[in-house]
Protein backbone atom coordinates (compact mmCIF):
# COMPACT_ATOMS: atom_id res chain seq x y z
CA MET A 1 -21.89 -36.02 2.71
CA VAL A 2 -24.88 -33.41 3.27
CA LEU A 3 -25.07 -35.18 7.14
CA ARG A 4 -21.17 -34.86 7.39
CA LEU A 5 -20.80 -31.21 6.65
CA VAL A 6 -23.88 -30.77 8.82
CA ARG A 7 -22.00 -32.63 11.73
CA ILE A 8 -18.78 -30.26 10.96
CA ILE A 9 -20.64 -27.27 11.20
CA LEU A 10 -22.57 -28.16 14.61
CA VAL A 11 -19.07 -28.94 15.75
CA LEU A 12 -17.67 -25.69 14.66
CA ALA A 13 -21.20 -24.09 15.98
CA ILE A 14 -20.37 -26.00 19.44
CA ALA A 15 -16.88 -24.96 19.48
CA GLY A 16 -17.98 -21.20 19.19
CA LEU A 17 -20.16 -21.75 22.17
CA ALA A 18 -17.96 -23.60 24.30
CA THR A 19 -15.11 -20.64 23.81
CA GLY A 20 -17.98 -17.84 24.67
CA GLN A 21 -17.70 -16.52 21.23
CA THR A 22 -20.94 -15.43 19.40
CA ALA A 23 -21.56 -14.51 15.72
CA GLU A 24 -20.85 -11.21 16.20
CA ASP A 25 -17.47 -11.92 18.15
CA GLN A 26 -16.45 -14.16 14.98
CA ASP A 27 -17.29 -11.30 12.37
CA PRO A 28 -13.88 -9.00 12.14
CA ALA A 29 -15.83 -6.30 11.21
CA THR A 30 -18.16 -5.70 14.45
CA ARG A 31 -15.78 -7.39 16.75
CA LYS A 32 -14.48 -5.36 19.84
CA SER A 33 -10.58 -5.63 20.09
CA ASP A 34 -8.97 -5.64 23.32
CA GLU A 35 -6.60 -3.12 21.83
CA PRO A 36 -6.19 0.38 23.02
CA VAL A 37 -7.81 2.86 20.28
CA VAL A 38 -5.45 6.28 20.47
CA ALA A 39 -6.87 9.30 19.24
CA LEU A 40 -5.02 10.72 15.85
CA GLY A 41 -3.47 13.99 16.72
CA PRO A 42 0.42 15.13 16.73
CA GLY A 43 2.89 12.15 16.11
CA ILE A 44 0.47 9.84 14.88
CA THR A 45 0.64 8.79 11.43
CA PRO A 46 -2.93 8.59 10.08
CA PRO A 47 -3.93 5.26 8.56
CA ARG A 48 -3.82 4.29 4.76
CA VAL A 49 -6.25 2.71 2.27
CA ILE A 50 -4.32 0.01 0.20
CA HIS A 51 -7.49 -2.02 -0.67
CA GLN A 52 -10.92 -0.53 -1.19
CA VAL A 53 -14.33 -1.83 -2.32
CA THR A 54 -16.88 0.42 -4.03
CA PRO A 55 -20.24 0.22 -2.65
CA ASP A 56 -22.71 -2.01 -5.20
CA VAL A 57 -25.12 1.04 -5.67
CA ASN A 58 -27.15 -0.82 -8.74
CA SER A 59 -29.11 -3.34 -6.10
CA ALA A 60 -29.45 -0.08 -3.26
CA THR A 61 -31.02 2.15 -5.53
CA ARG A 62 -33.81 0.43 -7.05
CA GLY A 63 -33.72 2.85 -9.93
CA PHE A 64 -34.39 5.78 -8.00
CA ARG A 65 -32.10 8.85 -8.56
CA VAL A 66 -29.90 9.46 -4.97
CA SER A 67 -27.19 12.08 -4.42
CA GLY A 68 -25.51 12.50 -0.92
CA VAL A 69 -22.99 11.71 1.72
CA VAL A 70 -22.66 8.55 3.98
CA LEU A 71 -20.50 9.17 7.05
CA ILE A 72 -19.00 5.49 7.91
CA GLU A 73 -17.38 5.57 11.45
CA LEU A 74 -14.41 2.70 12.29
CA VAL A 75 -11.56 1.61 13.74
CA VAL A 76 -8.59 0.39 11.75
CA SER A 77 -7.16 -1.75 14.35
CA SER A 78 -2.75 -1.92 14.48
CA ARG A 79 -3.64 -4.79 12.09
CA GLY A 80 -5.22 -2.75 9.17
CA MET A 81 -8.70 -4.33 9.68
CA PRO A 82 -11.87 -2.58 9.54
CA ARG A 83 -13.17 -2.90 13.16
CA GLU A 84 -16.44 -1.63 14.90
CA VAL A 85 -17.54 -0.42 11.38
CA HIS A 86 -20.99 1.82 11.58
CA VAL A 87 -23.06 4.54 10.05
CA ALA A 88 -22.59 8.14 11.56
CA LYS A 89 -24.47 9.90 8.93
CA SER A 90 -27.54 7.97 6.63
CA LEU A 91 -28.73 8.57 3.59
CA ASP A 92 -30.87 5.88 2.60
CA LYS A 93 -30.92 2.44 4.40
CA ASP A 94 -30.17 0.25 1.50
CA LEU A 95 -26.98 2.83 0.24
CA ASP A 96 -25.90 3.09 4.44
CA SER A 97 -25.96 -0.80 4.19
CA SER A 98 -23.76 -1.16 0.86
CA ALA A 99 -21.43 1.46 2.07
CA VAL A 100 -20.79 -0.56 5.41
CA ALA A 101 -20.32 -3.70 3.52
CA ALA A 102 -18.26 -2.05 1.24
CA VAL A 103 -15.83 -0.55 3.70
CA GLU A 104 -15.83 -3.94 5.77
CA GLN A 105 -13.85 -5.30 3.23
CA TRP A 106 -11.54 -2.39 3.22
CA ARG A 107 -7.52 -3.09 4.10
CA PHE A 108 -5.25 -0.48 5.41
CA GLN A 109 -1.79 0.76 6.04
CA PRO A 110 -2.32 0.83 9.79
CA ALA A 111 -1.64 3.95 11.71
CA VAL A 112 1.81 4.60 13.47
CA LYS A 113 2.82 5.97 16.30
CA ALA A 114 6.64 5.76 17.60
CA ASP A 115 7.20 3.47 14.81
CA ASN A 116 4.62 1.02 16.11
CA PRO A 117 0.94 0.74 14.41
CA VAL A 118 -1.83 1.59 16.85
CA ALA A 119 -5.60 1.19 16.60
CA VAL A 120 -7.30 4.58 15.83
CA ARG A 121 -11.10 5.75 14.95
CA ILE A 122 -12.07 7.55 11.90
CA THR A 123 -14.74 8.65 10.11
CA ILE A 124 -14.85 7.80 6.05
CA GLU A 125 -16.77 9.79 3.61
CA ILE A 126 -18.98 7.50 0.98
CA ARG A 127 -20.01 10.39 -1.39
CA PHE A 128 -23.36 8.67 -4.37
CA ARG A 129 -23.59 11.14 -6.99
CA ASP A 130 -27.04 11.10 -9.25
CA LEU A 131 -27.50 7.15 -8.96
């Protein structure tokens, strides 16, 4: 059974290499898309969060009291998926990682331009208070 599972994983890994995909290409949060990213502005309805995951602060704070803001920059795809998620303003390495991991799980109602969903770049503020 274990040998069969290893073969399946190996076949999937080889298939990914054959198509030229890397692990980063397969991760939806870090994958860059070919779809154009539109700047928010007049005539564009911004994306709206429809599923939000709270950062795991217990493992990130290690018993220290921490307050502040982490700014996360990302692209919300035309399908409402977060892409290219990264820290724009850091607070603490572990809190930053926790914030990124949480935002990667968020889902959005995509931005709309002329009745069509579009990809947009946004910045999200994750506020940590007296942890």
